[in-house]
Every structure is written in structure tokens, then in C-alpha cells.
N, C-alpha and C. Protein backbone atom coordinates (compact mmCIF):
# COMPACT_ATOMS: atom_id res chain seq x y z
N ALA A 1 0.84 -1.17 0.00
CA ALA A 1 0.00 0.00 0.00
C ALA A 1 0.89 1.23 0.00
N LYS A 2 0.59 2.11 -0.85
CA LYS A 2 1.34 3.36 -0.91
C LYS A 2 0.69 4.37 0.03
N ASP A 3 1.42 5.45 0.31
CA ASP A 3 0.89 6.45 1.25
C ASP A 3 -0.42 7.06 0.78
N GLU A 4 -0.63 7.16 -0.54
CA GLU A 4 -1.87 7.77 -1.01
C GLU A 4 -3.08 6.88 -0.70
N LEU A 5 -2.84 5.62 -0.38
CA LEU A 5 -3.95 4.73 -0.01
C LEU A 5 -4.25 4.77 1.49
N LEU A 6 -3.39 5.40 2.27
CA LEU A 6 -3.56 5.40 3.72
C LEU A 6 -4.92 5.95 4.17
N PRO A 7 -5.46 7.02 3.56
CA PRO A 7 -6.80 7.46 3.98
C PRO A 7 -7.86 6.38 3.80
N HIS A 8 -7.72 5.56 2.78
CA HIS A 8 -8.69 4.48 2.55
C HIS A 8 -8.52 3.37 3.58
N TRP A 9 -7.25 3.08 3.94
CA TRP A 9 -7.02 2.09 5.00
C TRP A 9 -7.56 2.59 6.33
N LYS A 10 -7.45 3.90 6.58
CA LYS A 10 -8.02 4.47 7.81
C LYS A 10 -9.53 4.29 7.84
N GLU A 11 -10.17 4.52 6.70
CA GLU A 11 -11.62 4.36 6.61
C GLU A 11 -12.02 2.89 6.81
N PHE A 12 -11.28 1.98 6.18
CA PHE A 12 -11.56 0.55 6.33
C PHE A 12 -11.37 0.12 7.79
N ALA A 13 -10.27 0.56 8.40
CA ALA A 13 -10.00 0.19 9.79
C ALA A 13 -11.09 0.72 10.73
N ALA A 14 -11.55 1.94 10.48
CA ALA A 14 -12.62 2.52 11.30
C ALA A 14 -13.90 1.69 11.17
N ALA A 15 -14.22 1.25 9.96
CA ALA A 15 -15.41 0.42 9.75
C ALA A 15 -15.23 -0.95 10.42
N LEU A 16 -14.03 -1.51 10.31
CA LEU A 16 -13.76 -2.81 10.92
C LEU A 16 -13.88 -2.75 12.44
N LYS A 17 -13.50 -1.64 13.03
CA LYS A 17 -13.64 -1.48 14.48
C LYS A 17 -15.11 -1.55 14.91
N GLN A 18 -16.02 -1.19 14.01
CA GLN A 18 -17.45 -1.20 14.33
C GLN A 18 -18.07 -2.59 14.23
N VAL A 19 -17.36 -3.53 13.61
CA VAL A 19 -17.88 -4.88 13.41
C VAL A 19 -17.64 -5.71 14.67
N THR A 20 -18.70 -6.36 15.12
CA THR A 20 -18.57 -7.29 16.23
C THR A 20 -19.34 -8.56 15.87
N PRO A 21 -18.61 -9.63 15.55
CA PRO A 21 -19.29 -10.88 15.21
C PRO A 21 -20.13 -11.36 16.38
N ALA A 22 -21.34 -11.77 16.08
CA ALA A 22 -22.28 -12.26 17.10
C ALA A 22 -22.17 -13.78 17.17
N ILE A 23 -21.14 -14.25 17.82
CA ILE A 23 -20.83 -15.68 17.86
C ILE A 23 -21.98 -16.49 18.46
N ASN A 24 -22.60 -15.98 19.48
CA ASN A 24 -23.63 -16.76 20.18
C ASN A 24 -24.93 -16.92 19.39
N VAL A 25 -25.07 -16.26 18.26
CA VAL A 25 -26.29 -16.42 17.46
C VAL A 25 -26.03 -17.18 16.15
N LEU A 26 -24.79 -17.58 15.91
CA LEU A 26 -24.48 -18.34 14.70
C LEU A 26 -24.92 -19.79 14.85
N PRO A 27 -25.41 -20.40 13.77
CA PRO A 27 -25.71 -21.83 13.83
C PRO A 27 -24.44 -22.62 14.15
N ASP A 28 -24.59 -23.83 14.66
CA ASP A 28 -23.44 -24.64 15.07
C ASP A 28 -22.45 -24.90 13.95
N ASN A 29 -22.91 -24.96 12.71
CA ASN A 29 -22.01 -25.27 11.59
C ASN A 29 -21.40 -24.02 10.96
N CYS A 30 -21.53 -22.87 11.60
CA CYS A 30 -20.99 -21.62 11.07
C CYS A 30 -20.00 -21.03 12.07
N GLU A 31 -19.05 -20.27 11.54
CA GLU A 31 -18.12 -19.57 12.42
C GLU A 31 -17.78 -18.22 11.83
N SER A 32 -17.44 -17.29 12.70
CA SER A 32 -17.06 -15.95 12.25
C SER A 32 -15.60 -16.00 11.81
N PHE A 33 -15.29 -15.30 10.71
CA PHE A 33 -13.91 -15.32 10.24
C PHE A 33 -13.54 -14.01 9.57
N PHE A 34 -12.24 -13.78 9.54
CA PHE A 34 -11.67 -12.63 8.84
C PHE A 34 -10.42 -13.13 8.15
N THR A 35 -10.36 -12.91 6.84
CA THR A 35 -9.19 -13.32 6.07
C THR A 35 -8.66 -12.14 5.28
N PHE A 36 -7.37 -11.94 5.37
CA PHE A 36 -6.67 -10.91 4.61
C PHE A 36 -5.78 -11.65 3.63
N ALA A 37 -6.12 -11.61 2.35
CA ALA A 37 -5.35 -12.35 1.35
C ALA A 37 -5.01 -11.44 0.17
N PHE A 38 -3.78 -11.59 -0.31
CA PHE A 38 -3.30 -10.84 -1.47
C PHE A 38 -3.41 -9.33 -1.27
N VAL A 39 -2.98 -8.87 -0.09
CA VAL A 39 -3.05 -7.45 0.26
C VAL A 39 -1.65 -6.95 0.60
N GLN A 40 -1.29 -5.81 0.03
CA GLN A 40 -0.03 -5.17 0.37
C GLN A 40 -0.30 -4.03 1.35
N LEU A 41 0.42 -4.03 2.45
CA LEU A 41 0.24 -3.00 3.47
C LEU A 41 1.57 -2.34 3.78
N ASN A 42 1.59 -1.02 3.84
CA ASN A 42 2.79 -0.40 4.39
C ASN A 42 2.67 -0.48 5.91
N HIS A 43 3.70 -0.04 6.61
CA HIS A 43 3.72 -0.21 8.07
C HIS A 43 2.54 0.50 8.74
N ASP A 44 2.24 1.74 8.34
CA ASP A 44 1.14 2.49 8.96
C ASP A 44 -0.20 1.80 8.74
N ALA A 45 -0.44 1.30 7.53
CA ALA A 45 -1.70 0.61 7.24
C ALA A 45 -1.79 -0.69 8.04
N MET A 46 -0.67 -1.39 8.16
CA MET A 46 -0.66 -2.63 8.94
C MET A 46 -1.05 -2.35 10.39
N LEU A 47 -0.52 -1.27 10.97
CA LEU A 47 -0.86 -0.94 12.36
C LEU A 47 -2.33 -0.59 12.51
N LEU A 48 -2.91 0.09 11.52
CA LEU A 48 -4.34 0.42 11.56
C LEU A 48 -5.19 -0.85 11.58
N ILE A 49 -4.85 -1.79 10.71
CA ILE A 49 -5.62 -3.04 10.64
C ILE A 49 -5.43 -3.85 11.92
N LYS A 50 -4.21 -3.89 12.41
CA LYS A 50 -3.94 -4.61 13.67
C LYS A 50 -4.81 -4.06 14.79
N GLU A 51 -4.79 -2.75 14.96
CA GLU A 51 -5.58 -2.13 16.04
C GLU A 51 -7.08 -2.40 15.87
N ALA A 52 -7.54 -2.44 14.63
CA ALA A 52 -8.96 -2.70 14.37
C ALA A 52 -9.33 -4.14 14.72
N LEU A 53 -8.37 -5.07 14.60
CA LEU A 53 -8.66 -6.49 14.87
C LEU A 53 -8.43 -6.89 16.32
N ILE A 54 -7.75 -6.05 17.10
CA ILE A 54 -7.50 -6.37 18.50
C ILE A 54 -8.84 -6.52 19.24
N GLY A 55 -9.00 -7.67 19.88
CA GLY A 55 -10.20 -7.92 20.68
C GLY A 55 -11.42 -8.35 19.90
N LYS A 56 -11.32 -8.46 18.59
CA LYS A 56 -12.46 -8.91 17.79
C LYS A 56 -12.62 -10.42 17.93
N PRO A 57 -13.82 -10.92 18.23
CA PRO A 57 -14.00 -12.34 18.51
C PRO A 57 -14.20 -13.21 17.27
N PHE A 58 -13.30 -13.09 16.31
CA PHE A 58 -13.38 -13.98 15.15
C PHE A 58 -12.90 -15.36 15.56
N GLN A 59 -13.58 -16.40 15.07
CA GLN A 59 -13.21 -17.76 15.40
C GLN A 59 -12.13 -18.30 14.48
N ARG A 60 -11.97 -17.66 13.33
CA ARG A 60 -10.95 -18.08 12.38
C ARG A 60 -10.33 -16.82 11.77
N LEU A 61 -9.01 -16.80 11.71
CA LEU A 61 -8.29 -15.69 11.11
C LEU A 61 -7.33 -16.23 10.05
N GLY A 62 -7.19 -15.47 8.97
CA GLY A 62 -6.24 -15.84 7.93
C GLY A 62 -5.49 -14.63 7.42
N PHE A 63 -4.20 -14.77 7.31
CA PHE A 63 -3.33 -13.75 6.72
C PHE A 63 -2.51 -14.50 5.68
N ILE A 64 -2.92 -14.40 4.40
CA ILE A 64 -2.45 -15.32 3.38
C ILE A 64 -1.93 -14.59 2.15
N SER A 65 -0.74 -14.97 1.69
CA SER A 65 -0.16 -14.51 0.42
C SER A 65 -0.14 -12.99 0.29
N ASN A 66 0.26 -12.33 1.35
CA ASN A 66 0.32 -10.87 1.32
C ASN A 66 1.74 -10.45 0.95
N VAL A 67 2.03 -10.51 -0.34
CA VAL A 67 3.36 -10.18 -0.86
C VAL A 67 3.22 -9.11 -1.94
N ASN A 68 4.31 -8.41 -2.20
CA ASN A 68 4.26 -7.44 -3.29
C ASN A 68 4.58 -8.14 -4.61
N GLY A 69 4.65 -7.40 -5.69
CA GLY A 69 4.86 -7.98 -7.00
C GLY A 69 6.17 -8.73 -7.16
N ASP A 70 7.15 -8.45 -6.30
CA ASP A 70 8.44 -9.13 -6.36
C ASP A 70 8.49 -10.36 -5.44
N GLY A 71 7.38 -10.69 -4.83
CA GLY A 71 7.34 -11.82 -3.92
C GLY A 71 7.83 -11.49 -2.52
N VAL A 72 8.06 -10.20 -2.25
CA VAL A 72 8.52 -9.78 -0.92
C VAL A 72 7.31 -9.65 0.00
N PRO A 73 7.35 -10.30 1.18
CA PRO A 73 6.22 -10.19 2.11
C PRO A 73 5.92 -8.75 2.48
N SER A 74 4.65 -8.39 2.44
CA SER A 74 4.25 -7.02 2.77
C SER A 74 2.89 -6.99 3.47
N GLY A 75 2.58 -8.06 4.17
CA GLY A 75 1.32 -8.11 4.89
C GLY A 75 1.51 -7.80 6.36
N MET A 76 0.87 -8.55 7.21
CA MET A 76 0.95 -8.34 8.65
C MET A 76 2.27 -8.88 9.18
N SER A 77 2.83 -8.21 10.17
CA SER A 77 4.06 -8.71 10.81
C SER A 77 3.70 -9.83 11.78
N VAL A 78 4.69 -10.64 12.11
CA VAL A 78 4.48 -11.71 13.08
C VAL A 78 4.05 -11.11 14.42
N ASP A 79 4.70 -10.03 14.82
CA ASP A 79 4.34 -9.38 16.09
C ASP A 79 2.89 -8.91 16.10
N ALA A 80 2.43 -8.34 14.98
CA ALA A 80 1.04 -7.87 14.89
C ALA A 80 0.08 -9.05 14.97
N ILE A 81 0.39 -10.13 14.28
CA ILE A 81 -0.48 -11.31 14.30
C ILE A 81 -0.54 -11.89 15.72
N ILE A 82 0.59 -11.95 16.40
CA ILE A 82 0.60 -12.46 17.77
C ILE A 82 -0.27 -11.59 18.68
N ASP A 83 -0.16 -10.28 18.55
CA ASP A 83 -0.99 -9.38 19.37
C ASP A 83 -2.48 -9.62 19.11
N ILE A 84 -2.85 -9.80 17.85
CA ILE A 84 -4.25 -10.05 17.49
C ILE A 84 -4.72 -11.37 18.10
N VAL A 85 -3.91 -12.41 17.94
CA VAL A 85 -4.27 -13.73 18.45
C VAL A 85 -4.41 -13.70 19.98
N GLU A 86 -3.47 -13.06 20.65
CA GLU A 86 -3.51 -13.01 22.12
C GLU A 86 -4.73 -12.25 22.65
N SER A 87 -5.30 -11.38 21.82
CA SER A 87 -6.46 -10.60 22.26
C SER A 87 -7.79 -11.30 21.97
N ASN A 88 -7.73 -12.50 21.40
CA ASN A 88 -8.94 -13.17 20.91
C ASN A 88 -9.09 -14.54 21.57
N LYS A 89 -9.96 -14.63 22.56
CA LYS A 89 -10.16 -15.90 23.26
C LYS A 89 -11.08 -16.86 22.48
N HIS A 90 -11.69 -16.39 21.41
CA HIS A 90 -12.61 -17.23 20.63
C HIS A 90 -11.93 -17.92 19.44
N LEU A 91 -10.69 -17.59 19.17
CA LEU A 91 -10.00 -18.09 17.99
C LEU A 91 -9.84 -19.61 18.02
N ARG A 92 -10.26 -20.26 16.93
CA ARG A 92 -10.13 -21.71 16.80
C ARG A 92 -9.10 -22.10 15.75
N LYS A 93 -8.95 -21.24 14.73
CA LYS A 93 -8.04 -21.58 13.63
C LYS A 93 -7.33 -20.33 13.15
N LEU A 94 -6.02 -20.46 12.92
CA LEU A 94 -5.20 -19.37 12.41
C LEU A 94 -4.44 -19.88 11.21
N GLU A 95 -4.52 -19.16 10.10
CA GLU A 95 -3.79 -19.53 8.89
C GLU A 95 -2.87 -18.37 8.52
N ILE A 96 -1.58 -18.67 8.41
CA ILE A 96 -0.60 -17.63 8.07
C ILE A 96 0.26 -18.18 6.95
N ASP A 97 0.47 -17.35 5.92
CA ASP A 97 1.35 -17.72 4.82
C ASP A 97 1.80 -16.47 4.10
N LYS A 98 3.09 -16.29 3.93
CA LYS A 98 3.67 -15.20 3.16
C LYS A 98 3.26 -13.81 3.66
N ASN A 99 3.69 -13.49 4.85
CA ASN A 99 3.52 -12.17 5.44
C ASN A 99 4.90 -11.65 5.81
N ARG A 100 4.97 -10.56 6.57
CA ARG A 100 6.28 -10.00 6.96
C ARG A 100 7.04 -10.93 7.87
């Protein structure tokens, strides 16, 4: 993500902060999830998304194939993913591939 996209990431993060999965009303065969795939984030955008996901009760999280055009990882950092996971007591499955 380039700096000119940062206002859009701010808007997305603000909207994501408003989302609260209603786990207790989902049918037994359904689960709440959030997957970030094929997304390039600069450091500031990554921090916005991390903060928006802290404490969100998703049962499944995925951070997959977030690399730039040269194959260089540009998604969530390991530290950011750990912070998100540690804040989520409902998490059942975590999928990570090709991030920072």
C-alpha cells in the first residue's frame, strides 16, 4: 500500500472497528472469520488493521499470500499477528502464509 492509499485504509479500519461478530447467534455449523489475502500493506496501514482487529472475537483468522509484485512479504508482521491472536479468546483456527 502506498501512502496515497492510507486514507482508505483508515476508513476501512474505522469500519472494521465497528464490526462485532455475534458468535452466540451463529448456527453450530458456522463460524465468524476474517481473512486478509493478497493485500499489500505499508507499516502504517498494517498498524491500523492490527488495532482494528485487537479484541475482535473472530473464530478463524487468515493472513495469506500478502506479498508485493516481487514476492517480498508485505502483509501483517508476526508481532502484529501475535498481538491479534492473544487478544482473541474465541479463535479456533489461524492460517498464516507469506507475510512480513
